[in-house]
Amino acid sequence: MSDLPAVAPFARFREAVHAPDGPEVLFRHAPDHEVVQQPDELARGRTVFGAETPAGRDARAGAAAVHRFRRLSSIVLNDAILAPRSMAVASPARGLLDTALDTPAVRQSRLSAVDPDFSEAGPDTWRLLRPVPGIGQTILPVGGASASNYGGFLFEGLCGALLHHETLGPGLALAGPPLATWQRDILALLGLGDAHLALRRPTRFRKIVTTDLTAWTASEPNPLARTVFDRIRAVLPAAAGPRRVMLRRGAGNRRQMRERERIEAIAGQFGFDIVDPAMLPAAAQAQLFAGATAVIGETGAGLANLGFCDPETRVLEIQPDCLPDGRARAACHLLGLHWHVFFGVADGEAGAAPGGGFGYAVDPNAFAATLDRVFGAP
């Protein structure tokens, strides 16, 4: 991506997209940036509870704790290929778009390890195993390699497609792998359900317009994500539901909270309804969180639904002490939510168990005291 010439204002990028012989360029909307937190935002006994995990451990040594927000750049490539298995984007003139496949395997010249439609022809050289069909159309990729993850799809996979659909005018289709039911439902809520082209093999297009958000791994949120949640909320009626919600993660999850039933029972004493978001359709999930004033949830994809909450909603994230993760904290800052964290004690290091999973324990007495401090009586 560093080889692409940058243009401004955005009108010049739009011209490059719509002109048949328009150049390959990028437009930088916003850089990576950090917002320094207030001193009490990571204060033990105020926002940080549970195991004695150092507050702000995701900050640089000796530096103030920060919220990290991800850069956003739009990119247009000509005569380019989209590979739906990995969402790799390739330009014959420039090769692979590096931001889309920033993984250890690809950096070690093993693209085939993440996408069997490719093979290695030599160091940093790849080739497709089958002839590539072509479609004379300009498309907007939907999702990235992490888009099968609910949070990745909402916070990253949709942002660029919605931005470009709104700002570049008609005639642009969405494209990507066949979608799951919940993904189709989300596109329908955004008014994009009829615009998606499902791909089952690498396909060449006249132009591909994408962003550097469609990366292999989830990262810090970008402020543009608010647009996705606001658009979905705007088309849904208000629905009666619980005001206090605790999320339950599915039994197949790799991170397992010990004595979950006991912890959920304690939350119930404070007026929390226990809900498994994965059992609800996309619209019902949005309505549930839009009506909540207090949310408890373990670190993971379910917390992506915080984007539907009203500002000032109180949030308690339950996080294993071996898995520091600042994404929910940054998202809460972005969305105007009051974030708190309760650290549980993990059985071992993250990823050490078969399948990369592990268990962790939440101290029931400390958890009850935390709920009393953060939420109070129902």
Protein backbone atom coordinates (compact mmCIF):
# COMPACT_ATOMS: atom_id res chain seq x y z
CA MET A 1 0.00 0.00 0.00
CA SER A 2 2.92 2.35 0.63
CA ASP A 3 3.62 2.39 -3.13
CA LEU A 4 0.24 3.88 -4.00
CA PRO A 5 0.11 7.63 -4.62
CA ALA A 6 -2.11 9.50 -2.16
CA VAL A 7 -4.73 11.94 -3.45
CA ALA A 8 -6.85 14.67 -1.89
CA PRO A 9 -9.55 15.88 -1.70
CA PHE A 10 -11.89 12.88 -1.75
CA ALA A 11 -13.38 14.08 -5.04
CA ARG A 12 -10.15 13.06 -6.78
CA PHE A 13 -10.43 9.57 -5.31
CA ARG A 14 -14.03 9.38 -6.55
CA GLU A 15 -12.88 10.38 -10.04
CA ALA A 16 -10.27 7.62 -10.04
CA VAL A 17 -12.95 5.09 -9.12
CA HIS A 18 -15.41 6.08 -11.83
CA ALA A 19 -13.03 6.87 -14.70
CA PRO A 20 -12.40 3.71 -16.79
CA ASP A 21 -8.70 4.61 -17.05
CA GLY A 22 -8.48 6.19 -13.59
CA PRO A 23 -5.23 5.62 -11.69
CA GLU A 24 -4.61 3.33 -8.71
CA VAL A 25 -4.56 5.65 -5.69
CA LEU A 26 -5.34 5.87 -2.01
CA PHE A 27 -7.08 8.45 0.14
CA ARG A 28 -6.09 8.76 3.80
CA HIS A 29 -9.13 9.48 5.96
CA ALA A 30 -7.38 9.26 9.34
CA PRO A 31 -4.06 7.96 10.72
CA ASP A 32 -3.50 5.57 13.59
CA HIS A 33 -3.87 7.65 16.70
CA GLU A 34 -4.08 7.44 20.45
CA VAL A 35 -6.12 9.32 23.05
CA VAL A 36 -4.57 9.59 26.51
CA GLN A 37 -6.96 8.42 29.20
CA GLN A 38 -8.01 10.34 32.25
CA PRO A 39 -6.01 9.27 35.34
CA ASP A 40 -9.00 7.54 36.98
CA GLU A 41 -10.01 5.56 33.88
CA LEU A 42 -7.79 2.64 34.92
CA ALA A 43 -7.95 3.09 38.70
CA ARG A 44 -8.26 0.00 40.87
CA GLY A 45 -11.45 0.11 42.89
CA ARG A 46 -12.98 2.60 40.48
CA THR A 47 -12.89 0.92 37.04
CA VAL A 48 -10.54 -2.06 37.61
CA PHE A 49 -11.58 -4.98 39.84
CA GLY A 50 -10.80 -8.64 40.43
CA ALA A 51 -7.38 -10.26 40.18
CA GLU A 52 -4.32 -8.16 40.92
CA THR A 53 -3.53 -7.45 37.29
CA PRO A 54 -1.58 -4.23 36.76
CA ALA A 55 -3.88 -1.56 35.38
CA GLY A 56 -2.85 -0.25 31.99
CA ARG A 57 -0.66 -3.25 31.16
CA ASP A 58 -1.38 -2.77 27.49
CA ALA A 59 0.29 0.64 27.57
CA ARG A 60 3.94 1.16 26.75
CA ALA A 61 6.24 0.86 29.73
CA GLY A 62 6.29 4.12 31.62
CA ALA A 63 3.72 5.73 29.35
CA ALA A 64 0.24 6.94 30.18
CA ALA A 65 -2.57 4.52 29.37
CA VAL A 66 -4.23 5.31 26.06
CA HIS A 67 -7.16 4.43 23.87
CA ARG A 68 -5.94 3.28 20.47
CA PHE A 69 -7.92 3.98 17.31
CA ARG A 70 -7.15 2.51 13.95
CA ARG A 71 -6.22 4.36 10.78
CA LEU A 72 -8.47 4.36 7.73
CA SER A 73 -7.41 4.63 4.10
CA SER A 74 -9.46 4.00 0.96
CA ILE A 75 -7.78 2.23 -1.97
CA VAL A 76 -8.76 1.71 -5.61
CA LEU A 77 -7.00 -0.96 -7.71
CA ASN A 78 -7.50 -1.65 -11.43
CA ASP A 79 -7.99 -5.04 -13.07
CA ALA A 80 -7.69 -6.52 -9.59
CA ILE A 81 -8.49 -9.92 -8.10
CA LEU A 82 -10.49 -10.72 -4.97
CA ALA A 83 -9.89 -14.17 -3.43
CA PRO A 84 -12.93 -14.95 -1.24
CA ARG A 85 -11.34 -17.59 1.02
CA SER A 86 -8.84 -15.18 2.51
CA MET A 87 -10.23 -11.89 1.15
CA ALA A 88 -6.81 -11.30 -0.41
CA VAL A 89 -6.79 -8.46 -2.94
CA ALA A 90 -4.19 -8.59 -5.71
CA SER A 91 -3.26 -6.14 -8.43
CA PRO A 92 -1.36 -7.51 -11.44
CA ALA A 93 0.73 -4.35 -11.46
CA ARG A 94 1.51 -4.27 -7.74
CA GLY A 95 0.95 -7.72 -6.25
CA LEU A 96 -0.93 -8.44 -3.04
CA LEU A 97 -2.43 -5.64 -0.99
CA ASP A 98 -0.29 -6.00 2.11
CA THR A 99 -2.80 -4.74 4.70
CA ALA A 100 -5.32 -7.45 3.81
CA LEU A 101 -2.99 -10.37 4.63
CA ASP A 102 -0.74 -9.20 7.44
CA THR A 103 -0.21 -12.64 9.01
CA PRO A 104 2.91 -14.54 10.11
CA ALA A 105 2.32 -17.18 7.43
CA VAL A 106 2.17 -14.63 4.62
CA ARG A 107 5.17 -12.73 5.96
CA GLN A 108 7.04 -16.04 5.77
CA SER A 109 5.98 -16.49 2.12
CA ARG A 110 3.37 -19.15 2.90
CA LEU A 111 0.20 -17.63 1.50
CA SER A 112 -1.07 -21.12 0.64
CA ALA A 113 -1.26 -21.84 4.38
CA VAL A 114 -4.14 -19.39 4.70
CA ASP A 115 -5.61 -19.62 1.18
CA PRO A 116 -5.43 -22.90 -0.79
CA ASP A 117 -6.32 -21.04 -4.01
CA PHE A 118 -2.69 -19.81 -4.07
CA SER A 119 0.68 -21.52 -4.25
CA GLU A 120 4.21 -20.19 -3.78
CA ALA A 121 6.20 -19.76 -6.97
CA GLY A 122 9.22 -18.43 -5.09
CA PRO A 123 10.12 -16.06 -2.27
CA ASP A 124 7.45 -13.34 -2.07
CA THR A 125 5.95 -14.64 -5.30
CA TRP A 126 2.53 -16.28 -5.52
CA ARG A 127 0.33 -17.66 -8.24
CA LEU A 128 -3.28 -18.75 -8.45
CA LEU A 129 -3.89 -22.44 -9.03
CA ARG A 130 -6.86 -22.04 -11.37
CA PRO A 131 -7.80 -19.68 -14.21
CA VAL A 132 -9.50 -16.58 -12.89
CA PRO A 133 -12.87 -15.52 -14.34
CA GLY A 134 -13.41 -11.84 -14.94
CA ILE A 135 -16.35 -9.51 -14.34
CA GLY A 136 -16.33 -6.02 -15.86
CA GLN A 137 -17.60 -4.32 -12.73
CA THR A 138 -16.35 -2.19 -9.83
CA ILE A 139 -16.89 -3.87 -6.49
CA LEU A 140 -16.58 -3.16 -2.77
CA PRO A 141 -15.29 -6.13 -0.73
CA VAL A 142 -17.41 -6.92 2.31
CA GLY A 143 -15.48 -8.28 5.26
CA GLY A 144 -11.97 -9.49 5.77
CA ALA A 145 -10.50 -12.77 6.89
CA SER A 146 -11.87 -12.07 10.38
CA ALA A 147 -15.39 -11.32 9.10
CA SER A 148 -16.73 -14.72 10.22
CA ASN A 149 -16.33 -13.24 13.70
CA TYR A 150 -19.40 -11.21 14.68
CA GLY A 151 -17.33 -8.36 16.10
CA GLY A 152 -14.91 -8.35 13.19
CA PHE A 153 -17.78 -8.10 10.72
CA LEU A 154 -19.50 -5.20 12.52
CA PHE A 155 -16.44 -3.17 13.46
CA GLU A 156 -14.21 -3.83 10.45
CA GLY A 157 -15.78 -5.87 7.67
CA LEU A 158 -18.64 -3.47 6.98
CA CYS A 159 -17.10 -0.06 7.57
CA GLY A 160 -15.39 0.43 4.25
CA ALA A 161 -18.18 -1.08 2.16
CA LEU A 162 -20.80 1.15 3.79
CA LEU A 163 -18.57 4.23 3.50
CA HIS A 164 -17.95 3.67 -0.20
CA HIS A 165 -21.55 2.71 -0.96
CA GLU A 166 -22.67 6.02 0.59
CA THR A 167 -19.99 8.31 -0.89
CA LEU A 168 -19.09 6.94 -4.33
CA GLY A 169 -22.53 6.86 -5.90
CA PRO A 170 -24.53 4.15 -7.68
CA GLY A 171 -23.28 1.29 -9.80
CA LEU A 172 -20.97 -0.34 -7.24
CA ALA A 173 -21.68 -3.87 -6.04
CA LEU A 174 -20.59 -5.54 -2.81
CA ALA A 175 -18.64 -8.79 -3.10
CA GLY A 176 -17.15 -11.44 -0.88
CA PRO A 177 -17.60 -15.06 0.18
CA PRO A 178 -21.09 -16.53 0.64
CA LEU A 179 -22.54 -15.01 3.78
CA ALA A 180 -23.95 -16.66 6.88
CA THR A 181 -27.58 -15.94 7.72
CA TRP A 182 -26.69 -13.41 10.39
CA GLN A 183 -24.41 -11.56 7.97
CA ARG A 184 -27.16 -11.40 5.34
CA ASP A 185 -29.54 -10.10 7.99
CA ILE A 186 -27.13 -7.29 8.91
CA LEU A 187 -26.68 -6.30 5.26
CA ALA A 188 -30.47 -6.24 4.87
CA LEU A 189 -30.81 -3.93 7.89
CA LEU A 190 -28.28 -1.61 6.25
CA GLY A 191 -30.23 -1.67 2.97
CA LEU A 192 -27.41 -3.53 1.21
CA GLY A 193 -28.90 -7.01 1.01
CA ASP A 194 -29.56 -6.95 -2.74
CA ALA A 195 -26.15 -5.54 -3.62
CA HIS A 196 -23.99 -8.49 -2.52
CA LEU A 197 -22.27 -10.77 -5.04
CA ALA A 198 -21.27 -14.11 -3.48
CA LEU A 199 -17.94 -15.43 -4.77
CA ARG A 200 -16.77 -19.04 -4.54
CA ARG A 201 -13.42 -18.62 -6.29
CA PRO A 202 -10.92 -15.85 -7.02
CA THR A 203 -12.41 -13.38 -9.49
CA ARG A 204 -10.97 -10.47 -11.46
CA PHE A 205 -12.87 -7.18 -11.51
CA ARG A 206 -12.53 -3.96 -13.49
CA LYS A 207 -11.82 -2.13 -10.24
CA ILE A 208 -11.77 -3.03 -6.55
CA VAL A 209 -12.39 -0.28 -4.00
CA THR A 210 -11.43 -1.31 -0.49
CA THR A 211 -9.89 -0.05 2.76
CA ASP A 212 -7.09 -1.10 5.05
CA LEU A 213 -9.68 -2.13 7.66
CA THR A 214 -10.24 -5.47 5.94
CA ALA A 215 -7.27 -7.06 7.67
CA TRP A 216 -6.58 -10.62 8.78
CA THR A 217 -6.78 -9.93 12.49
CA ALA A 218 -9.03 -7.69 14.54
CA SER A 219 -7.49 -4.51 15.80
CA GLU A 220 -8.43 -1.30 17.55
CA PRO A 221 -11.77 0.23 16.51
CA ASN A 222 -12.11 2.98 13.95
CA PRO A 223 -14.58 5.81 14.64
CA LEU A 224 -16.33 5.03 11.36
CA ALA A 225 -17.84 1.94 13.02
CA ARG A 226 -20.41 4.16 14.72
CA THR A 227 -22.05 4.69 11.33
CA VAL A 228 -22.82 0.97 11.01
CA PHE A 229 -24.54 0.79 14.39
CA ASP A 230 -26.42 4.05 13.96
CA ARG A 231 -27.78 3.01 10.57
CA ILE A 232 -29.06 -0.29 11.96
CA ARG A 233 -30.66 1.31 15.03
CA ALA A 234 -32.38 3.89 12.82
CA VAL A 235 -34.48 1.28 11.02
CA LEU A 236 -35.51 -0.73 14.10
CA PRO A 237 -38.44 0.08 16.38
CA ALA A 238 -37.87 0.33 20.11
CA ALA A 239 -38.61 -2.96 21.85
CA ALA A 240 -39.35 -3.76 25.48
CA GLY A 241 -36.63 -5.85 27.08
CA PRO A 242 -34.36 -6.19 30.11
CA ARG A 243 -32.54 -3.09 31.25
CA ARG A 244 -29.69 -5.08 32.82
CA VAL A 245 -28.11 -7.75 30.63
CA MET A 246 -25.35 -10.30 31.26
CA LEU A 247 -24.03 -12.08 28.19
CA ARG A 248 -23.52 -15.84 28.15
CA ARG A 249 -20.84 -17.24 25.86
CA GLY A 250 -21.57 -20.46 23.98
CA ALA A 251 -20.42 -23.83 25.30
CA GLY A 252 -18.02 -24.31 22.38
CA ASN A 253 -15.99 -21.22 23.22
CA ARG A 254 -12.29 -21.76 23.82
CA ARG A 255 -12.28 -19.58 26.94
CA GLN A 256 -14.34 -21.14 29.72
CA MET A 257 -15.32 -19.35 32.91
CA ARG A 258 -15.28 -21.70 35.92
CA GLU A 259 -18.47 -21.91 38.01
CA ARG A 260 -20.38 -19.91 35.42
CA GLU A 261 -23.77 -20.77 36.93
CA ARG A 262 -22.72 -19.36 40.29
CA ILE A 263 -21.46 -16.14 38.74
CA GLU A 264 -24.64 -15.78 36.69
CA ALA A 265 -26.73 -16.36 39.82
CA ILE A 266 -24.93 -13.48 41.53
CA ALA A 267 -25.65 -11.24 38.54
CA GLY A 268 -29.29 -12.31 38.75
CA GLN A 269 -29.44 -11.03 42.32
CA PHE A 270 -28.56 -7.58 40.95
CA GLY A 271 -31.35 -7.70 38.39
CA PHE A 272 -29.40 -8.94 35.37
CA ASP A 273 -31.08 -11.14 32.76
CA ILE A 274 -28.75 -13.80 31.31
CA VAL A 275 -28.81 -13.74 27.50
CA ASP A 276 -26.88 -15.67 24.84
CA PRO A 277 -26.73 -13.16 21.95
CA ALA A 278 -25.82 -15.89 19.46
CA MET A 279 -29.30 -17.34 19.91
CA LEU A 280 -30.97 -14.11 18.73
CA PRO A 281 -31.33 -12.75 15.19
CA ALA A 282 -29.32 -9.65 14.36
CA ALA A 283 -32.25 -7.24 14.76
CA ALA A 284 -33.16 -8.64 18.18
CA GLN A 285 -29.55 -8.30 19.35
CA ALA A 286 -29.52 -4.64 18.31
CA GLN A 287 -32.82 -3.97 20.08
CA LEU A 288 -31.68 -5.78 23.24
CA PHE A 289 -28.57 -3.61 23.60
CA ALA A 290 -30.34 -0.43 22.55
CA GLY A 291 -32.65 -0.86 25.53
CA ALA A 292 -30.00 -1.84 28.08
CA THR A 293 -28.64 0.54 30.69
CA ALA A 294 -26.12 -1.95 32.15
CA VAL A 295 -24.17 -4.76 30.44
CA ILE A 296 -21.86 -7.48 31.78
CA GLY A 297 -19.93 -9.58 29.28
CA GLU A 298 -16.77 -11.59 28.82
CA THR A 299 -14.10 -10.34 26.45
CA GLY A 300 -15.14 -11.49 22.99
CA ALA A 301 -17.33 -10.96 19.95
CA GLY A 302 -20.55 -10.51 21.94
CA LEU A 303 -19.30 -7.18 23.26
CA ALA A 304 -19.40 -5.84 19.70
CA ASN A 305 -23.10 -5.26 20.37
CA LEU A 306 -22.09 -2.41 22.70
CA GLY A 307 -22.21 -0.32 19.53
CA PHE A 308 -26.01 -0.38 19.80
CA CYS A 309 -26.07 0.96 23.39
CA ASP A 310 -27.04 4.48 24.32
CA PRO A 311 -24.29 6.76 25.68
CA GLU A 312 -23.82 6.55 29.46
CA THR A 313 -24.58 2.79 29.53
CA ARG A 314 -22.49 1.11 32.24
CA VAL A 315 -20.36 -1.84 31.09
CA LEU A 316 -18.45 -4.46 33.09
CA GLU A 317 -16.06 -6.52 30.95
CA ILE A 318 -14.95 -9.84 32.46
CA GLN A 319 -11.43 -10.49 31.21
CA PRO A 320 -8.93 -13.31 31.90
CA ASP A 321 -5.77 -11.86 33.42
CA CYS A 322 -3.62 -13.62 30.81
CA LEU A 323 -5.48 -11.97 27.92
CA PRO A 324 -5.18 -8.19 28.15
CA ASP A 325 -7.31 -6.64 25.45
CA GLY A 326 -8.07 -2.95 25.12
CA ARG A 327 -10.51 -3.09 22.22
CA ALA A 328 -13.71 -3.05 24.28
CA ARG A 329 -12.29 -0.26 26.43
CA ALA A 330 -11.47 1.82 23.34
CA ALA A 331 -14.89 1.08 21.84
CA CYS A 332 -16.60 2.23 25.04
CA HIS A 333 -14.60 5.47 24.94
CA LEU A 334 -15.60 5.92 21.29
CA LEU A 335 -19.28 5.25 22.05
CA GLY A 336 -19.55 7.27 25.26
CA LEU A 337 -20.08 4.23 27.52
CA HIS A 338 -18.81 3.81 31.09
CA TRP A 339 -16.33 0.91 30.95
CA HIS A 340 -15.20 -1.21 33.91
CA VAL A 341 -13.23 -4.47 33.99
CA PHE A 342 -13.16 -7.50 36.30
CA PHE A 343 -10.05 -9.65 35.88
CA GLY A 344 -10.45 -13.40 36.35
CA VAL A 345 -7.51 -15.72 37.10
CA ALA A 346 -6.57 -17.96 34.16
CA ASP A 347 -5.45 -21.59 34.54
CA GLY A 348 -2.43 -20.96 32.33
CA GLU A 349 -1.10 -18.85 29.51
CA ALA A 350 -3.46 -17.99 26.66
CA GLY A 351 -3.16 -20.53 23.86
CA ALA A 352 -1.24 -23.10 25.93
CA ALA A 353 -4.06 -25.67 26.03
CA PRO A 354 -5.01 -27.85 23.02
CA GLY A 355 -6.92 -25.74 20.53
CA GLY A 356 -5.62 -22.55 22.10
CA GLY A 357 -8.22 -22.55 24.87
CA PHE A 358 -8.03 -22.18 28.64
CA GLY A 359 -10.22 -21.80 31.69
CA TYR A 360 -10.34 -19.02 34.22
CA ALA A 361 -11.97 -18.33 37.56
CA VAL A 362 -13.93 -15.34 38.83
CA ASP A 363 -13.95 -14.88 42.61
CA PRO A 364 -17.67 -14.89 43.55
CA ASN A 365 -17.35 -12.64 46.60
CA ALA A 366 -15.21 -10.09 44.78
CA PHE A 367 -17.59 -10.22 41.82
CA ALA A 368 -20.61 -9.50 44.03
CA ALA A 369 -18.80 -6.58 45.65
CA THR A 370 -17.91 -5.25 42.21
CA LEU A 371 -21.52 -5.36 41.03
CA ASP A 372 -22.58 -3.50 44.12
CA ARG A 373 -19.93 -0.83 43.46
CA VAL A 374 -20.49 -0.47 39.71
CA PHE A 375 -24.25 -0.99 39.36
CA GLY A 376 -25.84 -0.97 42.81
CA ALA A 377 -29.22 -2.51 43.60
CA PRO A 378 -31.62 -3.03 40.68
